[in-house]
Amino acid sequence: MSRPASLLCHRRARCNLTFRYRPAGEYLRSSLGRDLVVIGTYFGHGAGFPAGRVAQPNAADMDGMLSSLSIPVFAMDLRELPGDGVLYQWFHVPHETRTNAPMTMFAVPVEAYDAILFIETITPTPAAPAKQ
């Protein structure tokens, strides 16, 4: 009996980049096919982090555009986009995305993800209590 499974992958999971290793998303797609749903995660800004730790979104990149919608949290299934028009065009061209590394990365949303999860404000996870 097959059961649904969840796995959080880094944004590079399905982007068209060249690697010396096989990214987890590529391996999972070859193993699971259409049963795998890749969800790209984006955010607007961070609160409670040390200064300079979380870059502000650029209005022209993916994070900035999603933040401009002024919806605090939402998910969007990119597989259900209209077949033409402004939305179709926007999600079918490369857009810059923020990364945790000092590099610029571009992704074509519909090629990189099946869906997008956007969270306007992220906060650090509180430290776990010390074991007694």
Protein backbone atom coordinates (compact mmCIF):
# COMPACT_ATOMS: atom_id res chain seq x y z
CA MET A 1 0.00 0.00 0.00
CA SER A 2 1.52 3.35 -0.99
CA ARG A 3 1.38 6.24 1.45
CA PRO A 4 1.99 9.95 0.87
CA ALA A 5 5.36 11.22 2.04
CA SER A 6 6.78 14.68 2.66
CA LEU A 7 10.31 15.87 2.10
CA LEU A 8 11.65 19.41 2.32
CA CYS A 9 14.24 20.08 -0.40
CA HIS A 10 16.41 23.11 -1.00
CA ARG A 11 15.31 25.43 -3.79
CA ARG A 12 17.92 23.92 -6.10
CA ALA A 13 16.03 20.62 -6.05
CA ARG A 14 14.75 20.91 -9.61
CA CYS A 15 16.36 24.04 -11.06
CA ASN A 16 18.22 23.65 -14.32
CA LEU A 17 21.73 23.94 -12.90
CA THR A 18 24.84 21.85 -13.47
CA PHE A 19 26.14 19.95 -10.43
CA ARG A 20 28.93 17.45 -9.86
CA TYR A 21 26.55 15.48 -7.70
CA ARG A 22 22.97 14.40 -8.17
CA PRO A 23 20.62 16.73 -6.24
CA ALA A 24 18.03 15.10 -4.00
CA GLY A 25 15.17 16.47 -6.10
CA GLU A 26 16.56 14.93 -9.29
CA TYR A 27 16.95 11.55 -7.59
CA LEU A 28 13.45 11.70 -6.09
CA ARG A 29 11.87 12.78 -9.39
CA SER A 30 13.50 9.82 -11.18
CA SER A 31 12.26 7.45 -8.45
CA LEU A 32 8.79 8.86 -7.78
CA GLY A 33 7.86 10.51 -11.09
CA ARG A 34 4.58 12.46 -10.92
CA ASP A 35 3.98 11.28 -7.34
CA LEU A 36 6.61 13.79 -6.20
CA VAL A 37 5.34 17.34 -5.57
CA VAL A 38 8.10 19.93 -5.23
CA ILE A 39 7.13 22.99 -3.19
CA GLY A 40 9.34 26.07 -3.45
CA THR A 41 9.38 28.16 -0.29
CA TYR A 42 9.68 31.94 -0.34
CA PHE A 43 9.39 34.67 2.26
CA GLY A 44 9.07 38.44 2.48
CA HIS A 45 11.26 39.39 5.45
CA GLY A 46 12.71 38.09 8.68
CA ALA A 47 12.01 39.28 12.23
CA GLY A 48 14.10 38.54 15.31
CA PHE A 49 17.31 37.68 13.43
CA PRO A 50 20.66 39.43 14.00
CA ALA A 51 21.09 42.54 11.80
CA GLY A 52 22.07 41.71 8.23
CA ARG A 53 21.32 37.99 8.62
CA VAL A 54 18.21 37.98 6.38
CA ALA A 55 18.34 40.00 3.18
CA GLN A 56 15.34 42.14 2.26
CA PRO A 57 13.52 41.08 -0.90
CA ASN A 58 14.25 42.86 -4.16
CA ALA A 59 10.95 44.10 -5.63
CA ALA A 60 11.90 42.63 -9.03
CA ASP A 61 12.72 39.09 -7.82
CA MET A 62 10.49 36.16 -6.83
CA ASP A 63 10.39 37.00 -3.13
CA GLY A 64 9.62 40.65 -3.79
CA MET A 65 6.85 39.95 -6.28
CA LEU A 66 5.18 37.43 -3.98
CA SER A 67 5.51 39.82 -1.03
CA SER A 68 3.90 42.62 -3.05
CA LEU A 69 0.63 40.65 -3.05
CA SER A 70 0.23 41.57 0.66
CA ILE A 71 -1.05 38.10 1.58
CA PRO A 72 0.70 36.93 4.80
CA VAL A 73 0.74 33.19 3.98
CA PHE A 74 -0.39 31.35 0.88
CA ALA A 75 0.23 28.34 -1.33
CA MET A 76 -0.07 28.35 -5.10
CA ASP A 77 -0.31 25.24 -7.28
CA LEU A 78 1.68 26.14 -10.39
CA ARG A 79 0.29 23.12 -12.23
CA GLU A 80 -3.08 24.90 -12.31
CA LEU A 81 -1.92 28.17 -13.90
CA PRO A 82 -3.89 29.39 -16.93
CA GLY A 83 -2.49 28.26 -20.30
CA ASP A 84 -1.73 31.83 -21.43
CA GLY A 85 -1.78 35.43 -20.26
CA VAL A 86 0.24 37.50 -17.81
CA LEU A 87 0.48 34.86 -15.05
CA TYR A 88 1.50 32.18 -17.52
CA GLN A 89 4.20 34.42 -18.98
CA TRP A 90 5.57 35.57 -15.60
CA PHE A 91 5.94 32.06 -14.17
CA HIS A 92 7.57 30.72 -17.39
CA VAL A 93 10.64 33.02 -17.40
CA PRO A 94 13.68 33.07 -15.07
CA HIS A 95 13.50 35.19 -11.92
CA GLU A 96 16.20 35.89 -9.37
CA THR A 97 15.73 34.18 -6.01
CA ARG A 98 17.36 34.78 -2.63
CA THR A 99 19.69 32.08 -1.39
CA ASN A 100 21.51 31.39 1.87
CA ALA A 101 24.81 31.59 0.00
CA PRO A 102 26.58 34.64 -1.45
CA MET A 103 25.48 33.87 -4.99
CA THR A 104 22.78 34.85 -7.44
CA MET A 105 20.40 32.14 -8.56
CA PHE A 106 17.67 32.27 -11.15
CA ALA A 107 14.74 29.87 -11.47
CA VAL A 108 11.90 29.41 -13.92
CA PRO A 109 9.12 28.77 -11.37
CA VAL A 110 7.08 26.24 -13.39
CA GLU A 111 10.24 24.28 -14.24
CA ALA A 112 11.62 24.37 -10.69
CA TYR A 113 8.48 23.73 -8.63
CA ASP A 114 5.03 22.21 -8.73
CA ALA A 115 3.77 24.65 -6.10
CA ILE A 116 4.95 27.67 -4.10
CA LEU A 117 4.53 28.32 -0.37
CA PHE A 118 4.94 31.97 0.62
CA ILE A 119 5.34 33.20 4.21
CA GLU A 120 5.57 36.98 4.65
CA THR A 121 7.47 36.99 7.97
CA ILE A 122 9.87 34.29 9.11
CA THR A 123 11.32 34.12 12.62
CA PRO A 124 14.14 32.08 14.14
CA THR A 125 13.31 28.86 15.92
CA PRO A 126 13.70 29.26 19.70
CA ALA A 127 16.58 27.34 21.21
CA ALA A 128 15.66 23.98 22.67
CA PRO A 129 15.77 23.82 26.46
CA ALA A 130 18.97 22.37 27.86
CA LYS A 131 18.78 18.74 29.01
CA GLN A 132 18.72 18.38 32.76
